[in-house]
Protein backbone atom coordinates (compact mmCIF):
# COMPACT_ATOMS: atom_id res chain seq x y z
CA MET A 1 -21.41 2.92 -2.48
CA LEU A 2 -17.84 1.58 -2.52
CA ILE A 3 -15.29 2.19 -5.16
CA LEU A 4 -11.99 0.40 -5.70
CA LEU A 5 -9.17 2.74 -7.21
CA ASN A 6 -5.89 1.63 -8.28
CA LYS A 7 -3.99 4.78 -7.09
CA PRO A 8 -1.17 5.55 -9.31
CA TYR A 9 2.33 6.61 -8.03
CA GLY A 10 2.36 10.31 -7.28
CA VAL A 11 -1.27 10.84 -6.53
CA LEU A 12 -2.31 12.46 -3.27
CA CYS A 13 -5.30 10.76 -1.27
CA GLN A 14 -7.37 13.82 -1.44
CA PHE A 15 -9.62 15.56 -3.81
CA SER A 16 -7.86 18.91 -4.23
CA ASP A 17 -4.36 20.41 -3.89
CA ALA A 18 -3.40 24.08 -3.72
CA ASP A 19 -0.11 23.14 -5.53
CA GLY A 20 -1.87 21.54 -8.65
CA ARG A 21 -0.40 18.06 -7.93
CA PRO A 22 -2.53 14.96 -9.17
CA THR A 23 -5.45 14.03 -6.77
CA LEU A 24 -8.20 11.55 -6.60
CA ALA A 25 -10.30 14.05 -8.47
CA HIS A 26 -8.29 13.15 -11.58
CA TYR A 27 -9.70 9.73 -11.34
CA VAL A 28 -12.88 9.45 -9.34
CA ARG A 29 -15.84 11.14 -10.76
CA GLN A 30 -18.40 10.17 -8.15
CA LYS A 31 -19.44 12.70 -5.77
CA ASP A 32 -19.73 12.61 -2.03
CA VAL A 33 -17.18 9.68 -1.49
CA TYR A 34 -14.22 9.78 0.70
CA PRO A 35 -11.04 7.63 1.02
CA ALA A 36 -11.40 4.86 3.54
CA GLY A 37 -7.75 4.99 4.74
CA ARG A 38 -4.74 6.44 2.88
CA LEU A 39 -1.87 5.65 0.61
CA ASP A 40 1.20 7.89 0.41
CA HIS A 41 1.67 9.70 -2.71
CA ASP A 42 4.69 7.50 -3.36
CA SER A 43 2.85 4.21 -2.67
CA GLU A 44 0.36 2.57 -5.43
CA GLY A 45 -2.32 0.17 -5.53
CA LEU A 46 -5.61 -0.38 -3.89
CA LEU A 47 -7.71 2.58 -2.35
CA LEU A 48 -11.16 2.22 -1.20
CA LEU A 49 -13.56 5.24 -1.38
CA THR A 50 -17.07 5.23 0.15
CA ASP A 51 -20.03 7.41 1.16
CA ASP A 52 -20.92 5.04 3.93
CA GLY A 53 -19.27 6.17 7.21
CA ARG A 54 -19.78 2.89 9.19
CA LEU A 55 -18.08 0.86 6.37
CA ALA A 56 -15.22 3.49 6.34
CA HIS A 57 -14.90 3.10 10.12
CA LYS A 58 -14.88 -0.79 9.73
CA LEU A 59 -12.28 -0.61 7.08
CA THR A 60 -9.98 1.82 8.94
CA ASP A 61 -10.36 1.53 12.73
CA PRO A 62 -7.52 -0.48 14.14
CA ARG A 63 -9.79 -2.22 16.65
CA HIS A 64 -11.21 -4.25 13.55
CA LYS A 65 -7.76 -5.17 12.39
CA GLU A 66 -8.83 -5.54 8.77
CA PRO A 67 -5.88 -7.08 7.00
CA LYS A 68 -4.02 -5.17 4.33
CA THR A 69 -1.63 -6.86 1.93
CA TYR A 70 1.14 -5.12 0.09
CA LEU A 71 3.66 -6.30 -2.43
CA VAL A 72 7.05 -4.51 -1.57
CA GLN A 73 10.23 -4.16 -3.55
CA VAL A 74 13.14 -3.63 -1.43
CA ASP A 75 16.86 -2.49 -1.91
CA GLY A 76 19.03 -5.62 -1.60
CA GLN A 77 18.40 -9.29 -1.40
CA ILE A 78 16.00 -9.69 1.59
CA THR A 79 17.08 -12.38 3.89
CA ASP A 80 15.03 -15.28 5.72
CA GLU A 81 16.29 -13.60 9.00
CA ALA A 82 14.69 -10.29 8.12
CA ILE A 83 11.40 -11.93 7.04
CA ASP A 84 11.35 -13.88 10.47
CA THR A 85 11.87 -10.48 12.22
CA LEU A 86 8.97 -8.71 10.34
CA ARG A 87 6.65 -11.84 11.21
CA ARG A 88 7.47 -11.27 14.87
CA GLY A 89 6.96 -7.60 14.87
CA VAL A 90 9.67 -4.83 14.95
CA GLN A 91 10.35 -1.92 17.29
CA LEU A 92 9.60 1.50 15.51
CA ASN A 93 10.01 4.94 17.11
CA ASP A 94 6.29 4.94 18.07
CA GLY A 95 6.25 1.53 19.62
CA PRO A 96 6.47 -2.15 18.58
CA THR A 97 4.21 -3.35 15.66
CA LEU A 98 2.00 -6.32 15.78
CA PRO A 99 3.49 -9.53 14.07
CA ALA A 100 3.00 -9.35 10.38
CA GLN A 101 2.48 -12.10 7.63
CA ALA A 102 5.66 -11.79 5.51
CA GLU A 103 6.86 -13.90 2.70
CA HIS A 104 9.26 -13.95 -0.24
CA ALA A 105 7.72 -12.98 -3.47
CA ILE A 106 8.63 -12.51 -6.97
CA GLU A 107 7.80 -9.65 -9.22
CA PRO A 108 4.16 -10.54 -10.60
CA GLU A 109 3.65 -10.72 -14.39
CA TRP A 110 0.63 -8.45 -13.97
CA LEU A 111 2.61 -5.61 -12.60
CA TRP A 112 2.66 -2.50 -14.47
CA PRO A 113 5.82 -0.36 -14.96
CA ARG A 114 6.10 2.64 -12.60
CA ASP A 115 6.32 6.17 -13.88
CA PRO A 116 8.98 7.24 -12.77
CA PRO A 117 10.75 4.02 -12.78
CA VAL A 118 12.27 2.75 -9.65
CA ARG A 119 15.99 3.59 -9.61
CA PHE A 120 18.43 0.98 -10.87
CA ARG A 121 21.85 0.09 -9.49
CA LYS A 122 23.87 -2.41 -11.27
CA LEU A 123 25.68 -3.75 -8.40
CA ILE A 124 22.80 -3.84 -5.81
CA PRO A 125 19.92 -6.23 -6.44
CA THR A 126 16.36 -5.80 -5.37
CA SER A 127 14.09 -8.31 -4.12
CA TRP A 128 10.26 -8.46 -3.46
CA LEU A 129 8.33 -9.57 -0.51
CA ARG A 130 4.54 -9.69 0.45
CA ILE A 131 3.46 -8.28 3.84
CA THR A 132 0.14 -8.33 5.46
CA LEU A 133 -0.57 -6.11 8.25
CA ARG A 134 -3.55 -5.70 10.75
CA GLU A 135 -2.78 -2.13 11.73
CA GLY A 136 -2.00 0.99 9.82
CA ARG A 137 0.50 3.33 11.18
CA ASN A 138 1.97 6.14 8.98
CA ARG A 139 4.35 4.72 6.44
CA GLN A 140 4.41 1.62 8.45
CA VAL A 141 5.65 -0.89 5.77
CA ARG A 142 8.55 1.49 4.66
CA ARG A 143 9.61 2.04 8.41
CA MET A 144 9.33 -1.82 9.00
CA THR A 145 11.45 -2.96 5.98
CA ALA A 146 14.01 -0.15 6.79
CA SER A 147 14.27 -1.23 10.35
CA VAL A 148 15.41 -4.71 9.16
CA GLY A 149 18.05 -3.24 6.70
CA PHE A 150 16.02 -3.42 3.42
CA PRO A 151 14.54 0.06 2.63
CA THR A 152 11.45 0.00 0.60
CA LEU A 153 11.80 0.98 -3.20
CA ARG A 154 8.23 0.43 -4.47
CA LEU A 155 5.15 -0.25 -2.45
CA ILE A 156 1.76 -1.67 -3.95
CA ARG A 157 -1.31 -2.40 -1.79
CA GLU A 158 -2.90 -5.42 -3.29
CA ARG A 159 -5.65 -6.15 -0.81
CA ILE A 160 -7.86 -4.64 1.93
CA GLY A 161 -9.88 -7.28 3.73
CA PRO A 162 -12.07 -9.04 0.93
CA TYR A 163 -11.30 -6.38 -1.59
CA ALA A 164 -8.34 -6.74 -4.08
CA LEU A 165 -6.98 -5.08 -7.27
CA ASP A 166 -7.90 -8.26 -9.40
CA GLY A 167 -6.67 -6.79 -12.54
CA LEU A 168 -7.66 -3.24 -12.06
CA ALA A 169 -5.12 -0.99 -13.97
CA PRO A 170 -3.57 2.06 -12.44
CA GLY A 171 -5.97 4.92 -12.58
CA ASP A 172 -8.98 2.74 -13.11
CA VAL A 173 -12.02 2.46 -10.86
CA ARG A 174 -14.47 -0.39 -9.95
CA VAL A 175 -17.72 0.36 -8.22
CA VAL A 176 -18.49 -2.67 -6.21
CA GLY A 177 -21.47 -1.67 -3.97
């Protein structure tokens, strides 16, 4: 079984929490499925869950380099130079990243409002980019954008390999296999 979930902001990628915070159990009713990868509680978008260990391994093992695409809102007007640096790969405290696909983007019409909203500062613009990675380190996109001078404000995973949000609303699930 393979389940696509559009994980809302503030939801933990686990099925229980001693502190009572929102978890996957609030959205996924199927039993014996587990997340294939993670999204931080402050990130949104596509999360895959499966009961198939081999599929989970294929989707998450760095040796398979399954591409993951993110829509990213950053603080400031991102420059072509910063995008070029992301494309070449950046040096993080745990070593260099692989080159990423990175491009300017616009806020899509299909994007839902976030609760709570991203902070708004009248004198500092925000901008959007799309980044595709073939590795998955802890908070990697956030660390990469910060390293080029544009901290991430909102992070939405749009795609993992052949699987995409494709109109899935926050909190909704779609069983695909």
